[in-house]
Amino acid sequence: MKDKNLRKNYIVEKYPRQWKVEKKRHDNQNYNSELIQKIKGKKNGKILEVGIGDGEPFSEELEKYGFDVYGVDLSPTHIKTVKQKYPNINATVGDAENLDFGNNFFDVVFCYRSSWYFPDLIKAISEMLRVAKVDGLVVFDIQNAQNSIHQLSLKEKKRVQKENIFKYVFFKYFKNIIKVLIKPFKSSYHIDWSFNKPIVIGMPANPDKIISFLKTKKEITFHIFGVSWDRSPSLIKLKDLTNINEFDRLVFEIFINN
């Protein structure tokens, strides 16, 4: 519970400062376009972006196609940005694990490039399913915890948490000085001068747990796509799960049946 609250508080209070860096790191135009296309096929209706961030690129693009767009984010800073830049989007501060909407409210619920920030992803998925209408669509992506890239990343994060604090601060400040020197040439670097070790807010998810949860829901059907970053289209529908761990990113597409 303590770790969960620390992660959420960090997102509310500090994470918006480094949002642009993270957003740029996860950006891929082909991938973004394919995710948007999945939703555009619904033609119209109410749609909700969970973890809307600053509204770009998904909600601001979908609003142009006549959707009644809603968005929630834990960060008041992000919601303020959305309201200022995109006044037609119904943006509110909210928790993905406790959505403040009634059952069967949205035609589409989606969460792109944000699921790894949710301490309890299964609860967030359950909430997305709850607020989606019959014949509706729920789409989200995850970082695959069983892929070697994320296994190595998680191992490094654990190493940092165990590292001697004086050693950690020394190397942190050394890296910050380098960032200051090159900042005129690359302004997107986030610089943190605090003495605290970083809070691990981004956690990849185990797809097996998500699949097991979804299989308990008799009212849905779902498909899983692996993301191949070096090809177009980047989304590869997985006919079986034998090669699921070859993909560092997975997309779940869920249809709510009658």
C-alpha atoms as a PDB file:
ATOM      1  CA  MET A   1       0.000   0.000   0.000  1.00  0.00           C
ATOM      2  CA  LYS A   2       2.849   2.392   0.872  1.00  0.00           C
ATOM      3  CA  ASP A   3       4.574   1.776  -2.482  1.00  0.00           C
ATOM      4  CA  LYS A   4       1.264   2.255  -4.306  1.00  0.00           C
ATOM      5  CA  ASN A   5       0.651   5.616  -2.637  1.00  0.00           C
ATOM      6  CA  LEU A   6       4.235   6.760  -3.254  1.00  0.00           C
ATOM      7  CA  ARG A   7       3.867   6.046  -6.963  1.00  0.00           C
ATOM      8  CA  LYS A   8       0.569   7.906  -7.216  1.00  0.00           C
ATOM      9  CA  ASN A   9       1.833  10.891  -5.231  1.00  0.00           C
ATOM     10  CA  TYR A  10       4.903  11.106  -7.463  1.00  0.00           C
ATOM     11  CA  ILE A  11       2.720  11.198 -10.579  1.00  0.00           C
ATOM     12  CA  VAL A  12       0.592  13.965  -9.083  1.00  0.00           C
ATOM     13  CA  GLU A  13       3.408  16.128  -7.711  1.00  0.00           C
ATOM     14  CA  LYS A  14       6.571  15.525  -9.745  1.00  0.00           C
ATOM     15  CA  TYR A  15       6.037  13.443 -12.844  1.00  0.00           C
ATOM     16  CA  PRO A  16       4.574  16.263 -15.015  1.00  0.00           C
ATOM     17  CA  ARG A  17       8.034  17.899 -14.981  1.00  0.00           C
ATOM     18  CA  GLN A  18       9.529  14.995 -16.919  1.00  0.00           C
ATOM     19  CA  TRP A  19       6.405  14.170 -18.945  1.00  0.00           C
ATOM     20  CA  LYS A  20       7.727  15.602 -22.211  1.00  0.00           C
ATOM     21  CA  VAL A  21      10.858  13.464 -21.970  1.00  0.00           C
ATOM     22  CA  GLU A  22       8.877  10.272 -21.352  1.00  0.00           C
ATOM     23  CA  LYS A  23       6.339  11.137 -24.019  1.00  0.00           C
ATOM     24  CA  LYS A  24       9.068  11.618 -26.598  1.00  0.00           C
ATOM     25  CA  ARG A  25      10.781   8.388 -25.543  1.00  0.00           C
ATOM     26  CA  HIS A  26       7.630   6.331 -26.150  1.00  0.00           C
ATOM     27  CA  ASP A  27       6.545   8.152 -29.319  1.00  0.00           C
ATOM     28  CA  ASN A  28       6.212   6.288 -32.625  1.00  0.00           C
ATOM     29  CA  GLN A  29       4.111   7.789 -35.412  1.00  0.00           C
ATOM     30  CA  ASN A  30       3.181   4.518 -37.158  1.00  0.00           C
ATOM     31  CA  TYR A  31       2.174   2.929 -33.873  1.00  0.00           C
ATOM     32  CA  ASN A  32       0.154   5.988 -32.840  1.00  0.00           C
ATOM     33  CA  SER A  33      -1.718   6.011 -36.154  1.00  0.00           C
ATOM     34  CA  GLU A  34      -2.612   2.324 -35.893  1.00  0.00           C
ATOM     35  CA  LEU A  35      -3.934   2.760 -32.357  1.00  0.00           C
ATOM     36  CA  ILE A  36      -6.054   5.732 -33.440  1.00  0.00           C
ATOM     37  CA  GLN A  37      -7.375   3.756 -36.407  1.00  0.00           C
ATOM     38  CA  LYS A  38      -8.726   1.040 -34.105  1.00  0.00           C
ATOM     39  CA  ILE A  39     -10.963   3.611 -32.435  1.00  0.00           C
ATOM     40  CA  LYS A  40     -11.959   5.550 -35.551  1.00  0.00           C
ATOM     41  CA  GLY A  41     -13.692   2.418 -36.792  1.00  0.00           C
ATOM     42  CA  LYS A  42     -16.418   2.973 -34.175  1.00  0.00           C
ATOM     43  CA  LYS A  43     -17.520   6.055 -36.184  1.00  0.00           C
ATOM     44  CA  ASN A  44     -18.908   8.127 -33.301  1.00  0.00           C
ATOM     45  CA  GLY A  45     -20.053   8.140 -29.677  1.00  0.00           C
ATOM     46  CA  LYS A  46     -18.578   8.735 -26.240  1.00  0.00           C
ATOM     47  CA  ILE A  47     -14.957   7.717 -25.767  1.00  0.00           C
ATOM     48  CA  LEU A  48     -12.718   7.816 -22.711  1.00  0.00           C
ATOM     49  CA  GLU A  49      -8.942   8.044 -22.581  1.00  0.00           C
ATOM     50  CA  VAL A  50      -7.598   6.706 -19.291  1.00  0.00           C
ATOM     51  CA  GLY A  51      -4.296   8.428 -18.543  1.00  0.00           C
ATOM     52  CA  ILE A  52      -4.895  11.246 -20.988  1.00  0.00           C
ATOM     53  CA  GLY A  53      -1.689  13.147 -20.170  1.00  0.00           C
ATOM     54  CA  ASP A  54      -1.644  16.387 -22.146  1.00  0.00           C
ATOM     55  CA  GLY A  55      -4.244  15.099 -24.608  1.00  0.00           C
ATOM     56  CA  GLU A  56      -1.771  14.422 -27.410  1.00  0.00           C
ATOM     57  CA  PRO A  57      -1.676  12.653 -29.752  1.00  0.00           C
ATOM     58  CA  PHE A  58      -4.754  10.490 -29.220  1.00  0.00           C
ATOM     59  CA  SER A  59      -7.651  12.452 -27.746  1.00  0.00           C
ATOM     60  CA  GLU A  60      -6.900  15.667 -29.633  1.00  0.00           C
ATOM     61  CA  GLU A  61      -6.868  13.711 -32.905  1.00  0.00           C
ATOM     62  CA  LEU A  62     -10.040  11.732 -32.174  1.00  0.00           C
ATOM     63  CA  GLU A  63     -11.921  14.879 -31.165  1.00  0.00           C
ATOM     64  CA  LYS A  64     -11.492  16.093 -34.741  1.00  0.00           C
ATOM     65  CA  TYR A  65     -13.523  13.118 -35.983  1.00  0.00           C
ATOM     66  CA  GLY A  66     -16.641  14.064 -34.047  1.00  0.00           C
ATOM     67  CA  PHE A  67     -16.260  11.841 -31.003  1.00  0.00           C
ATOM     68  CA  ASP A  68     -17.504  13.072 -27.646  1.00  0.00           C
ATOM     69  CA  VAL A  69     -14.123  12.759 -25.927  1.00  0.00           C
ATOM     70  CA  TYR A  70     -13.570  12.345 -22.195  1.00  0.00           C
ATOM     71  CA  GLY A  71     -10.252  11.977 -20.427  1.00  0.00           C
ATOM     72  CA  VAL A  72      -9.007  11.277 -16.923  1.00  0.00           C
ATOM     73  CA  ASP A  73      -5.561  11.642 -15.431  1.00  0.00           C
ATOM     74  CA  LEU A  74      -4.177  11.547 -11.917  1.00  0.00           C
ATOM     75  CA  SER A  75      -2.212  14.750 -12.530  1.00  0.00           C
ATOM     76  CA  PRO A  76      -4.058  18.086 -12.109  1.00  0.00           C
ATOM     77  CA  THR A  77      -1.257  19.701 -14.129  1.00  0.00           C
ATOM     78  CA  HIS A  78      -2.045  17.514 -17.140  1.00  0.00           C
ATOM     79  CA  ILE A  79      -5.788  18.109 -16.855  1.00  0.00           C
ATOM     80  CA  LYS A  80      -5.248  21.864 -16.704  1.00  0.00           C
ATOM     81  CA  THR A  81      -3.188  21.626 -19.914  1.00  0.00           C
ATOM     82  CA  VAL A  82      -5.901  19.643 -21.704  1.00  0.00           C
ATOM     83  CA  LYS A  83      -8.616  22.096 -20.670  1.00  0.00           C
ATOM     84  CA  GLN A  84      -6.570  25.050 -21.915  1.00  0.00           C
ATOM     85  CA  LYS A  85      -5.527  23.520 -25.251  1.00  0.00           C
ATOM     86  CA  TYR A  86      -8.593  21.405 -26.038  1.00  0.00           C
ATOM     87  CA  PRO A  87     -11.698  22.897 -24.363  1.00  0.00           C
ATOM     88  CA  ASN A  88     -14.024  20.470 -26.189  1.00  0.00           C
ATOM     89  CA  ILE A  89     -12.477  17.501 -24.372  1.00  0.00           C
ATOM     90  CA  ASN A  90     -14.194  16.645 -21.083  1.00  0.00           C
ATOM     91  CA  ALA A  91     -11.043  16.288 -18.981  1.00  0.00           C
ATOM     92  CA  THR A  92     -11.126  15.603 -15.241  1.00  0.00           C
ATOM     93  CA  VAL A  93      -8.730  14.536 -12.522  1.00  0.00           C
ATOM     94  CA  GLY A  94      -9.362  10.861 -11.832  1.00  0.00           C
ATOM     95  CA  ASP A  95      -7.861   7.530 -10.830  1.00  0.00           C
ATOM     96  CA  ALA A  96      -7.766   4.700 -13.374  1.00  0.00           C
ATOM     97  CA  GLU A  97      -8.432   2.250 -10.554  1.00  0.00           C
ATOM     98  CA  ASN A  98     -11.632   4.040  -9.495  1.00  0.00           C
ATOM     99  CA  LEU A  99     -13.274   5.697 -12.489  1.00  0.00           C
ATOM    100  CA  ASP A 100     -15.967   8.221 -11.596  1.00  0.00           C
ATOM    101  CA  PHE A 101     -18.444   7.133 -14.277  1.00  0.00           C
ATOM    102  CA  GLY A 102     -21.494   4.908 -14.279  1.00  0.00           C
ATOM    103  CA  ASN A 103     -21.678   1.425 -15.770  1.00  0.00           C
ATOM    104  CA  ASN A 104     -22.057   1.066 -19.549  1.00  0.00           C
ATOM    105  CA  PHE A 105     -21.296   4.731 -20.232  1.00  0.00           C
ATOM    106  CA  PHE A 106     -18.730   4.767 -23.060  1.00  0.00           C
ATOM    107  CA  ASP A 107     -18.665   3.347 -26.567  1.00  0.00           C
ATOM    108  CA  VAL A 108     -14.867   3.132 -26.419  1.00  0.00           C
ATOM    109  CA  VAL A 109     -12.439   3.143 -23.496  1.00  0.00           C
ATOM    110  CA  PHE A 110      -8.748   3.246 -24.269  1.00  0.00           C
ATOM    111  CA  CYS A 111      -5.459   3.582 -22.462  1.00  0.00           C
ATOM    112  CA  TYR A 112      -2.329   4.071 -24.542  1.00  0.00           C
ATOM    113  CA  ARG A 113       1.218   4.385 -23.217  1.00  0.00           C
ATOM    114  CA  SER A 114       0.046   4.714 -19.599  1.00  0.00           C
ATOM    115  CA  SER A 115      -0.826   1.281 -18.170  1.00  0.00           C
ATOM    116  CA  TRP A 116       2.635   0.790 -16.653  1.00  0.00           C
ATOM    117  CA  TYR A 117       1.988   3.696 -14.285  1.00  0.00           C
ATOM    118  CA  PHE A 118      -0.999   1.989 -12.628  1.00  0.00           C
ATOM    119  CA  PRO A 119      -0.085   0.225  -9.369  1.00  0.00           C
ATOM    120  CA  ASP A 120      -3.028  -2.189  -9.759  1.00  0.00           C
ATOM    121  CA  LEU A 121      -3.458  -2.771 -13.482  1.00  0.00           C
ATOM    122  CA  ILE A 122      -6.041  -5.549 -13.111  1.00  0.00           C
ATOM    123  CA  LYS A 123      -8.257  -3.194 -11.123  1.00  0.00           C
ATOM    124  CA  ALA A 124      -7.828  -0.509 -13.801  1.00  0.00           C
ATOM    125  CA  ILE A 125      -8.779  -2.995 -16.544  1.00  0.00           C
ATOM    126  CA  SER A 126     -11.819  -4.053 -14.520  1.00  0.00           C
ATOM    127  CA  GLU A 127     -12.880  -0.399 -14.291  1.00  0.00           C
ATOM    128  CA  MET A 128     -12.419   0.132 -18.040  1.00  0.00           C
ATOM    129  CA  LEU A 129     -14.623  -2.885 -18.735  1.00  0.00           C
ATOM    130  CA  ARG A 130     -17.245  -1.680 -16.246  1.00  0.00           C
ATOM    131  CA  VAL A 131     -17.748   1.730 -17.863  1.00  0.00           C
ATOM    132  CA  ALA A 132     -17.808   0.364 -21.441  1.00  0.00           C
ATOM    133  CA  LYS A 133     -21.160  -0.220 -23.134  1.00  0.00           C
ATOM    134  CA  VAL A 134     -22.431  -3.489 -24.535  1.00  0.00           C
ATOM    135  CA  ASP A 135     -21.066  -3.676 -28.105  1.00  0.00           C
ATOM    136  CA  GLY A 136     -18.340  -1.334 -26.899  1.00  0.00           C
ATOM    137  CA  LEU A 137     -14.582  -1.538 -27.233  1.00  0.00           C
ATOM    138  CA  VAL A 138     -11.746  -1.437 -24.709  1.00  0.00           C
ATOM    139  CA  VAL A 139      -8.163  -1.099 -25.942  1.00  0.00           C
ATOM    140  CA  PHE A 140      -4.936  -0.743 -23.975  1.00  0.00           C
ATOM    141  CA  ASP A 141      -1.256  -1.508 -24.334  1.00  0.00           C
ATOM    142  CA  ILE A 142       1.232  -2.874 -21.816  1.00  0.00           C
ATOM    143  CA  GLN A 143       4.953  -3.258 -21.432  1.00  0.00           C
ATOM    144  CA  ASN A 144       5.544  -7.008 -21.444  1.00  0.00           C
ATOM    145  CA  ALA A 145       7.290  -8.012 -18.212  1.00  0.00           C
ATOM    146  CA  GLN A 146       8.273 -11.354 -19.730  1.00  0.00           C
ATOM    147  CA  ASN A 147      10.239  -9.753 -22.553  1.00  0.00           C
ATOM    148  CA  SER A 148      14.011  -9.625 -22.040  1.00  0.00           C
ATOM    149  CA  ILE A 149      14.176  -5.826 -22.501  1.00  0.00           C
ATOM    150  CA  HIS A 150      11.901  -5.174 -19.560  1.00  0.00           C
ATOM    151  CA  GLN A 151      13.419  -7.939 -17.460  1.00  0.00           C
ATOM    152  CA  LEU A 152      16.809  -6.227 -17.757  1.00  0.00           C
ATOM    153  CA  SER A 153      15.268  -2.819 -17.070  1.00  0.00           C
ATOM    154  CA  LEU A 154      13.529  -4.083 -13.945  1.00  0.00           C
ATOM    155  CA  LYS A 155      16.747  -5.709 -12.773  1.00  0.00           C
ATOM    156  CA  GLU A 156      18.552  -2.363 -13.136  1.00  0.00           C
ATOM    157  CA  LYS A 157      15.823  -0.525 -11.218  1.00  0.00           C
ATOM    158  CA  LYS A 158      16.138  -3.002  -8.352  1.00  0.00           C
ATOM    159  CA  ARG A 159      19.928  -2.584  -8.384  1.00  0.00           C
ATOM    160  CA  VAL A 160      19.581   1.198  -8.027  1.00  0.00           C
ATOM    161  CA  GLN A 161      17.230   0.784  -5.069  1.00  0.00           C
ATOM    162  CA  LYS A 162      19.817  -1.373  -3.278  1.00  0.00           C
ATOM    163  CA  GLU A 163      22.800   0.834  -4.180  1.00  0.00           C
ATOM    164  CA  ASN A 164      24.674   2.783  -1.493  1.00  0.00           C
ATOM    165  CA  ILE A 165      23.062   6.228  -1.242  1.00  0.00           C
ATOM    166  CA  PHE A 166      26.370   8.133  -1.340  1.00  0.00           C
ATOM    167  CA  LYS A 167      27.525   6.258  -4.419  1.00  0.00           C
ATOM    168  CA  TYR A 168      24.156   6.829  -6.051  1.00  0.00           C
ATOM    169  CA  VAL A 169      24.148  10.599  -5.355  1.00  0.00           C
ATOM    170  CA  PHE A 170      27.729  10.979  -6.623  1.00  0.00           C
ATOM    171  CA  PHE A 171      26.974   9.408  -9.999  1.00  0.00           C
ATOM    172  CA  LYS A 172      23.602  11.156 -10.204  1.00  0.00           C
ATOM    173  CA  TYR A 173      25.221  14.579  -9.804  1.00  0.00           C
ATOM    174  CA  PHE A 174      27.978  13.657 -12.247  1.00  0.00           C
ATOM    175  CA  LYS A 175      25.320  12.793 -14.864  1.00  0.00           C
ATOM    176  CA  ASN A 176      23.408  15.999 -14.077  1.00  0.00           C
ATOM    177  CA  ILE A 177      26.508  18.120 -14.734  1.00  0.00           C
ATOM    178  CA  ILE A 178      26.877  16.443 -18.120  1.00  0.00           C
ATOM    179  CA  LYS A 179      23.185  17.153 -18.850  1.00  0.00           C
ATOM    180  CA  VAL A 180      23.685  20.831 -17.946  1.00  0.00           C
ATOM    181  CA  LEU A 181      26.653  21.070 -20.327  1.00  0.00           C
ATOM    182  CA  ILE A 182      24.777  19.572 -23.270  1.00  0.00           C
ATOM    183  CA  LYS A 183      21.375  21.113 -22.493  1.00  0.00           C
ATOM    184  CA  PRO A 184      21.788  23.909 -25.095  1.00  0.00           C
ATOM    185  CA  PHE A 185      21.942  21.159 -27.713  1.00  0.00           C
ATOM    186  CA  LYS A 186      19.369  18.753 -26.228  1.00  0.00           C
ATOM    187  CA  SER A 187      16.875  20.575 -24.019  1.00  0.00           C
ATOM    188  CA  SER A 188      14.587  17.607 -23.331  1.00  0.00           C
ATOM    189  CA  TYR A 189      16.730  16.138 -20.536  1.00  0.00           C
ATOM    190  CA  HIS A 190      15.125  15.975 -17.105  1.00  0.00           C
ATOM    191  CA  ILE A 191      17.500  17.098 -14.329  1.00  0.00           C
ATOM    192  CA  ASP A 192      16.804  16.159 -10.721  1.00  0.00           C
ATOM    193  CA  TRP A 193      19.096  17.614  -8.022  1.00  0.00           C
ATOM    194  CA  SER A 194      17.385  15.911  -5.074  1.00  0.00           C
ATOM    195  CA  PHE A 195      19.246  13.439  -2.868  1.00  0.00           C
ATOM    196  CA  ASN A 196      16.453  10.886  -3.110  1.00  0.00           C
ATOM    197  CA  LYS A 197      16.622   7.709  -5.113  1.00  0.00           C
ATOM    198  CA  PRO A 198      14.046   7.570  -7.910  1.00  0.00           C
ATOM    199  CA  ILE A 199      10.648   6.083  -7.187  1.00  0.00           C
ATOM    200  CA  VAL A 200       9.920   3.252  -9.594  1.00  0.00           C
ATOM    201  CA  ILE A 201       6.623   4.396 -11.091  1.00  0.00           C
ATOM    202  CA  GLY A 202       6.689   2.536 -14.397  1.00  0.00           C
ATOM    203  CA  MET A 203       6.255  -1.225 -14.057  1.00  0.00           C
ATOM    204  CA  PRO A 204       5.815  -3.709 -16.932  1.00  0.00           C
ATOM    205  CA  ALA A 205       2.913  -6.145 -16.615  1.00  0.00           C
ATOM    206  CA  ASN A 206       2.758  -9.923 -16.757  1.00  0.00           C
ATOM    207  CA  PRO A 207       0.486 -10.723 -19.735  1.00  0.00           C
ATOM    208  CA  ASP A 208      -0.378 -14.149 -18.294  1.00  0.00           C
ATOM    209  CA  LYS A 209      -2.128 -12.496 -15.353  1.00  0.00           C
ATOM    210  CA  ILE A 210      -4.107 -10.218 -17.655  1.00  0.00           C
ATOM    211  CA  ILE A 211      -5.098 -13.103 -19.931  1.00  0.00           C
ATOM    212  CA  SER A 212      -6.196 -15.204 -16.946  1.00  0.00           C
ATOM    213  CA  PHE A 213      -8.317 -12.309 -15.675  1.00  0.00           C
ATOM    214  CA  LEU A 214      -9.941 -11.664 -19.056  1.00  0.00           C
ATOM    215  CA  LYS A 215     -10.809 -15.349 -19.476  1.00  0.00           C
ATOM    216  CA  THR A 216     -13.013 -15.097 -16.379  1.00  0.00           C
ATOM    217  CA  LYS A 217     -15.179 -12.527 -18.169  1.00  0.00           C
ATOM    218  CA  LYS A 218     -17.800 -14.453 -20.166  1.00  0.00           C
ATOM    219  CA  GLU A 219     -19.239 -11.301 -21.748  1.00  0.00           C
ATOM    220  CA  ILE A 220     -16.104 -10.388 -23.722  1.00  0.00           C
ATOM    221  CA  THR A 221     -13.901 -11.580 -26.544  1.00  0.00           C
ATOM    222  CA  PHE A 222     -10.369 -10.293 -26.942  1.00  0.00           C
ATOM    223  CA  HIS A 223      -7.380 -10.261 -29.254  1.00  0.00           C
ATOM    224  CA  ILE A 224      -3.727  -9.641 -28.486  1.00  0.00           C
ATOM    225  CA  PHE A 225      -1.291  -7.868 -30.798  1.00  0.00           C
ATOM    226  CA  GLY A 226       2.473  -7.812 -30.559  1.00  0.00           C
ATOM    227  CA  VAL A 227       4.228  -4.599 -31.579  1.00  0.00           C
ATOM    228  CA  SER A 228       7.091  -4.810 -34.048  1.00  0.00           C
ATOM    229  CA  TRP A 229       8.732  -1.389 -34.087  1.00  0.00           C
ATOM    230  CA  ASP A 230      10.731  -1.894 -37.307  1.00  0.00           C
ATOM    231  CA  ARG A 231       7.841  -2.818 -39.608  1.00  0.00           C
ATOM    232  CA  SER A 232       4.651  -1.262 -40.928  1.00  0.00           C
ATOM    233  CA  PRO A 233       2.002  -2.064 -39.909  1.00  0.00           C
ATOM    234  CA  SER A 234       3.566  -2.488 -36.495  1.00  0.00           C
ATOM    235  CA  LEU A 235       0.699  -4.455 -34.917  1.00  0.00           C
ATOM    236  CA  ILE A 236       0.878  -8.224 -35.376  1.00  0.00           C
ATOM    237  CA  LYS A 237      -2.164 -10.226 -34.311  1.00  0.00           C
ATOM    238  CA  LEU A 238      -1.061 -13.192 -32.217  1.00  0.00           C
ATOM    239  CA  LYS A 239      -2.895 -16.329 -33.336  1.00  0.00           C
ATOM    240  CA  ASP A 240      -1.378 -18.246 -30.454  1.00  0.00           C
ATOM    241  CA  LEU A 241       0.789 -17.242 -27.517  1.00  0.00           C
ATOM    242  CA  THR A 242       3.904 -19.250 -28.295  1.00  0.00           C
ATOM    243  CA  ASN A 243       5.883 -16.163 -29.334  1.00  0.00           C
ATOM    244  CA  ILE A 244       4.238 -13.579 -27.066  1.00  0.00           C
ATOM    245  CA  ASN A 245       7.431 -12.866 -25.134  1.00  0.00           C
ATOM    246  CA  GLU A 246       9.280 -11.824 -28.295  1.00  0.00           C
ATOM    247  CA  PHE A 247       7.384  -8.517 -28.099  1.00  0.00           C
ATOM    248  CA  ASP A 248       8.256  -5.835 -25.569  1.00  0.00           C
ATOM    249  CA  ARG A 249       4.879  -4.123 -26.122  1.00  0.00           C
ATOM    250  CA  LEU A 250       1.475  -5.811 -26.376  1.00  0.00           C
ATOM    251  CA  VAL A 251      -1.937  -4.392 -27.298  1.00  0.00           C
ATOM    252  CA  PHE A 252      -5.153  -5.889 -25.931  1.00  0.00           C
ATOM    253  CA  GLU A 253      -8.327  -5.306 -27.946  1.00  0.00           C
ATOM    254  CA  ILE A 254     -11.500  -6.275 -26.065  1.00  0.00           C
ATOM    255  CA  PHE A 255     -15.035  -6.423 -27.444  1.00  0.00           C
ATOM    256  CA  ILE A 256     -17.995  -6.254 -25.066  1.00  0.00           C
ATOM    257  CA  ASN A 257     -20.590  -8.753 -26.306  1.00  0.00           C
ATOM    258  CA  ASN A 258     -24.382  -8.745 -25.950  1.00  0.00           C
END
